[in-house]
Amino acid sequence: MGYWHARSRDGWDRKVTADGAYGSLGVGVDLGRHFNLQLVYTGYTYAVDSYYDDDEYDINRADTVTLGAEVRF
């Protein structure tokens, strides 16, 4: 779990800020002494300020699934 904050400017030089939180859940399995596979789900929720009204926020959501492999020497 975590929190993030970002500030930037868009193409018309307007300030854009975003705040968000995320949480992850994953599982991994060793397939021998030198190899591991992981599967991780991460859900993000974030609010971005409106271009036209600084007091209005758009709430958004994004999800990712990651498949990873690890080789150990």
C-alpha atoms as a PDB file:
ATOM      1  CA  MET A   1       0.000   0.000   0.000  1.00  0.00           C
ATOM      2  CA  GLY A   2       1.126   3.504  -0.635  1.00  0.00           C
ATOM      3  CA  TYR A   3       0.346   7.120  -1.474  1.00  0.00           C
ATOM      4  CA  TRP A   4       1.698   9.417  -4.188  1.00  0.00           C
ATOM      5  CA  HIS A   5       1.416  13.091  -5.209  1.00  0.00           C
ATOM      6  CA  ALA A   6       2.423  14.739  -8.506  1.00  0.00           C
ATOM      7  CA  ARG A   7       2.500  18.274  -9.916  1.00  0.00           C
ATOM      8  CA  SER A   8       2.952  19.171 -13.572  1.00  0.00           C
ATOM      9  CA  ARG A   9       1.811  21.557 -16.307  1.00  0.00           C
ATOM     10  CA  ASP A  10      -0.253  20.693 -19.352  1.00  0.00           C
ATOM     11  CA  GLY A  11       0.337  21.859 -22.944  1.00  0.00           C
ATOM     12  CA  TRP A  12      -1.375  25.207 -22.241  1.00  0.00           C
ATOM     13  CA  ASP A  13       0.824  25.914 -19.180  1.00  0.00           C
ATOM     14  CA  ARG A  14      -1.991  25.208 -16.695  1.00  0.00           C
ATOM     15  CA  LYS A  15      -1.031  23.596 -13.371  1.00  0.00           C
ATOM     16  CA  VAL A  16      -2.141  20.004 -12.917  1.00  0.00           C
ATOM     17  CA  THR A  17      -1.952  18.158  -9.584  1.00  0.00           C
ATOM     18  CA  ALA A  18      -2.797  14.563  -8.774  1.00  0.00           C
ATOM     19  CA  ASP A  19      -3.005  12.577  -5.544  1.00  0.00           C
ATOM     20  CA  GLY A  20      -3.463   8.854  -5.339  1.00  0.00           C
ATOM     21  CA  ALA A  21      -3.230   5.646  -3.394  1.00  0.00           C
ATOM     22  CA  TYR A  22      -2.443   2.098  -4.416  1.00  0.00           C
ATOM     23  CA  GLY A  23      -2.507  -1.384  -2.972  1.00  0.00           C
ATOM     24  CA  SER A  24      -0.961  -4.611  -4.244  1.00  0.00           C
ATOM     25  CA  LEU A  25      -1.479  -8.294  -3.689  1.00  0.00           C
ATOM     26  CA  GLY A  26       0.856 -10.906  -5.078  1.00  0.00           C
ATOM     27  CA  VAL A  27       1.880 -14.515  -4.972  1.00  0.00           C
ATOM     28  CA  GLY A  28       5.166 -16.152  -5.894  1.00  0.00           C
ATOM     29  CA  VAL A  29       6.332 -19.728  -6.183  1.00  0.00           C
ATOM     30  CA  ASP A  30       9.822 -21.207  -6.308  1.00  0.00           C
ATOM     31  CA  LEU A  31      10.196 -23.705  -9.155  1.00  0.00           C
ATOM     32  CA  GLY A  32      13.540 -24.957  -7.968  1.00  0.00           C
ATOM     33  CA  ARG A  33      16.590 -23.467  -6.339  1.00  0.00           C
ATOM     34  CA  HIS A  34      17.327 -21.043  -9.197  1.00  0.00           C
ATOM     35  CA  PHE A  35      13.912 -20.001 -10.605  1.00  0.00           C
ATOM     36  CA  ASN A  36      10.834 -18.185  -9.269  1.00  0.00           C
ATOM     37  CA  LEU A  37       7.553 -16.946 -10.821  1.00  0.00           C
ATOM     38  CA  GLN A  38       5.402 -14.124  -9.401  1.00  0.00           C
ATOM     39  CA  LEU A  39       1.942 -12.769 -10.199  1.00  0.00           C
ATOM     40  CA  VAL A  40       1.040  -9.348  -8.743  1.00  0.00           C
ATOM     41  CA  TYR A  41      -2.189  -7.322  -8.953  1.00  0.00           C
ATOM     42  CA  THR A  42      -2.039  -3.567  -8.184  1.00  0.00           C
ATOM     43  CA  GLY A  43      -5.059  -1.281  -7.944  1.00  0.00           C
ATOM     44  CA  TYR A  44      -4.647   2.503  -8.183  1.00  0.00           C
ATOM     45  CA  THR A  45      -7.166   5.213  -7.263  1.00  0.00           C
ATOM     46  CA  TYR A  46      -6.266   8.827  -7.928  1.00  0.00           C
ATOM     47  CA  ALA A  47      -7.795  12.295  -8.078  1.00  0.00           C
ATOM     48  CA  VAL A  48      -6.764  14.906 -10.656  1.00  0.00           C
ATOM     49  CA  ASP A  49      -7.722  18.559 -10.319  1.00  0.00           C
ATOM     50  CA  SER A  50     -10.007  19.958 -12.999  1.00  0.00           C
ATOM     51  CA  TYR A  51      -8.530  22.143 -15.732  1.00  0.00           C
ATOM     52  CA  TYR A  52     -11.380  24.636 -15.376  1.00  0.00           C
ATOM     53  CA  ASP A  53     -12.103  24.671 -11.641  1.00  0.00           C
ATOM     54  CA  ASP A  54      -9.414  24.208  -8.975  1.00  0.00           C
ATOM     55  CA  ASP A  55     -12.009  23.026  -6.431  1.00  0.00           C
ATOM     56  CA  GLU A  56     -13.267  20.145  -8.589  1.00  0.00           C
ATOM     57  CA  TYR A  57     -11.480  16.772  -8.763  1.00  0.00           C
ATOM     58  CA  ASP A  58     -11.946  13.880 -11.173  1.00  0.00           C
ATOM     59  CA  ILE A  59     -11.665  10.474  -9.471  1.00  0.00           C
ATOM     60  CA  ASN A  60     -10.007   7.792 -11.613  1.00  0.00           C
ATOM     61  CA  ARG A  61      -8.999   4.155 -11.245  1.00  0.00           C
ATOM     62  CA  ALA A  62      -6.389   1.953 -12.915  1.00  0.00           C
ATOM     63  CA  ASP A  63      -5.482  -1.715 -12.453  1.00  0.00           C
ATOM     64  CA  THR A  64      -2.349  -3.614 -13.420  1.00  0.00           C
ATOM     65  CA  VAL A  65      -1.401  -7.284 -13.406  1.00  0.00           C
ATOM     66  CA  THR A  66       2.294  -8.157 -13.529  1.00  0.00           C
ATOM     67  CA  LEU A  67       3.827 -11.533 -14.299  1.00  0.00           C
ATOM     68  CA  GLY A  68       7.467 -11.781 -13.237  1.00  0.00           C
ATOM     69  CA  ALA A  69      10.249 -14.324 -13.392  1.00  0.00           C
ATOM     70  CA  GLU A  70      13.390 -14.434 -11.288  1.00  0.00           C
ATOM     71  CA  VAL A  71      16.556 -16.363 -12.097  1.00  0.00           C
ATOM     72  CA  ARG A  72      19.051 -16.795  -9.257  1.00  0.00           C
ATOM     73  CA  PHE A  73      22.726 -17.689  -9.680  1.00  0.00           C
END
